[in-house]
């Protein structure tokens, strides 16, 4: 089961970047108004393991400025839903919409560590 931590400020984002130097960090950008986003969130929540990563949930409608900061900081075009894998302060992989899955993430974690 995934233990989500809310990402709700640019200060939180700086902490996430620092934390990524110790272990992989996943940022899930979620739209509470999008059916696909809800489906992907549900699918991620069924994951039995956190796969060695720390998980952050960003409600991009409530915290659009933070979502924009994430896109700007990591040079990743905004999508929703979107999952970013952050390691050593950089986004090493990103997926959106139905490309997001536990299998995709496991492959990315293996390839980037």
Protein backbone atom coordinates (compact mmCIF):
# COMPACT_ATOMS: atom_id res chain seq x y z
CA UNK A 1 0.00 0.00 0.00
CA UNK A 2 1.26 3.47 -0.83
CA UNK A 3 1.67 5.95 1.99
CA UNK A 4 1.04 9.35 0.36
CA UNK A 5 2.49 12.62 1.61
CA UNK A 6 0.76 15.77 0.40
CA UNK A 7 2.83 18.13 -1.74
CA UNK A 8 1.20 21.51 -1.24
CA UNK A 9 3.86 24.23 -1.29
CA UNK A 10 7.04 25.23 -3.03
CA UNK A 11 8.83 24.70 0.31
CA UNK A 12 7.57 21.09 0.22
CA UNK A 13 8.96 20.80 -3.31
CA UNK A 14 12.40 21.90 -2.10
CA UNK A 15 12.24 19.22 0.61
CA UNK A 16 11.29 16.62 -2.01
CA UNK A 17 14.29 17.60 -4.13
CA UNK A 18 16.60 17.28 -1.11
CA UNK A 19 15.03 13.97 -0.13
CA UNK A 20 15.61 12.59 -3.64
CA UNK A 21 19.34 12.58 -2.92
CA UNK A 22 18.74 9.84 -0.31
CA UNK A 23 16.19 7.70 -2.17
CA UNK A 24 13.86 7.83 -5.18
CA UNK A 25 10.82 10.07 -4.92
CA UNK A 26 7.57 9.79 -6.88
CA UNK A 27 5.36 12.81 -7.47
CA UNK A 28 1.85 12.03 -8.67
CA UNK A 29 0.12 15.08 -10.14
CA UNK A 30 -3.59 14.38 -9.69
CA UNK A 31 -6.65 16.20 -10.99
CA UNK A 32 -9.67 15.66 -8.77
CA UNK A 33 -11.94 16.44 -11.75
CA UNK A 34 -10.48 13.89 -14.16
CA UNK A 35 -11.79 10.35 -14.46
CA UNK A 36 -8.53 9.05 -15.89
CA UNK A 37 -6.62 10.61 -13.01
CA UNK A 38 -8.98 8.97 -10.49
CA UNK A 39 -8.54 5.60 -12.23
CA UNK A 40 -4.74 5.87 -12.22
CA UNK A 41 -4.72 6.97 -8.56
CA UNK A 42 -6.88 3.98 -7.64
CA UNK A 43 -4.61 1.65 -9.61
CA UNK A 44 -1.52 3.05 -7.86
CA UNK A 45 -3.19 2.69 -4.46
CA UNK A 46 -3.65 -1.03 -5.17
CA UNK A 47 0.13 -1.38 -5.41
CA UNK A 48 1.25 -3.62 -2.57
CA UNK A 49 4.67 -2.03 -2.19
CA UNK A 50 6.07 1.46 -2.25
CA UNK A 51 8.96 -0.01 -4.29
CA UNK A 52 11.61 1.74 -2.24
CA UNK A 53 10.35 5.20 -3.16
CA UNK A 54 8.75 8.00 -1.15
CA UNK A 55 5.37 9.01 -2.61
CA UNK A 56 3.98 12.54 -2.90
CA UNK A 57 0.48 13.45 -4.05
CA UNK A 58 -0.04 16.85 -5.65
CA UNK A 59 -3.63 18.04 -6.10
CA UNK A 60 -2.92 20.20 -9.10
CA UNK A 61 -6.27 21.99 -8.97
CA UNK A 62 -5.81 23.11 -5.35
CA UNK A 63 -2.09 23.81 -5.75
CA UNK A 64 -1.67 24.91 -9.36
CA UNK A 65 1.30 27.13 -8.47
CA UNK A 66 3.12 24.10 -7.06
CA UNK A 67 2.23 22.08 -10.16
CA UNK A 68 3.67 24.87 -12.33
CA UNK A 69 6.82 24.92 -10.14
CA UNK A 70 7.23 21.14 -10.58
CA UNK A 71 6.95 21.47 -14.37
CA UNK A 72 9.37 24.38 -14.43
CA UNK A 73 11.92 22.89 -12.02
CA UNK A 74 12.10 19.53 -13.78
CA UNK A 75 11.58 20.75 -17.36
CA UNK A 76 8.60 18.43 -17.83
CA UNK A 77 5.57 19.59 -19.78
CA UNK A 78 2.46 19.65 -17.58
CA UNK A 79 0.15 16.66 -17.98
CA UNK A 80 -2.64 15.29 -15.84
CA UNK A 81 -2.41 12.75 -14.42
CA UNK A 82 1.35 12.59 -14.37
CA UNK A 83 3.90 10.57 -12.41
CA UNK A 84 7.45 11.87 -12.05
CA UNK A 85 10.33 9.80 -10.72
CA UNK A 86 12.88 12.08 -9.07
CA UNK A 87 16.39 10.99 -8.11
CA UNK A 88 19.46 13.03 -7.18
CA UNK A 89 17.44 16.23 -7.62
CA UNK A 90 16.38 15.52 -11.21
CA UNK A 91 13.34 14.02 -12.89
CA UNK A 92 14.76 10.83 -14.36
CA UNK A 93 11.49 9.63 -15.84
CA UNK A 94 7.90 10.78 -16.30
CA UNK A 95 4.69 9.20 -17.57
CA UNK A 96 1.17 10.46 -18.03
CA UNK A 97 -2.34 9.15 -18.33
CA UNK A 98 -2.69 5.41 -18.88
CA UNK A 99 1.08 4.92 -19.32
CA UNK A 100 1.32 5.17 -15.52
CA UNK A 101 1.43 1.76 -13.86
CA UNK A 102 3.26 -0.09 -11.12
CA UNK A 103 5.05 -2.14 -13.79
CA UNK A 104 6.21 1.01 -15.62
CA UNK A 105 7.50 2.45 -12.34
CA UNK A 106 9.27 -0.78 -11.34
CA UNK A 107 11.03 -0.76 -14.73
CA UNK A 108 12.05 2.88 -14.28
CA UNK A 109 13.35 2.29 -10.76
CA UNK A 110 15.43 -0.63 -12.01
CA UNK A 111 16.77 1.35 -14.98
CA UNK A 112 17.65 4.43 -12.91
CA UNK A 113 19.22 2.81 -9.84
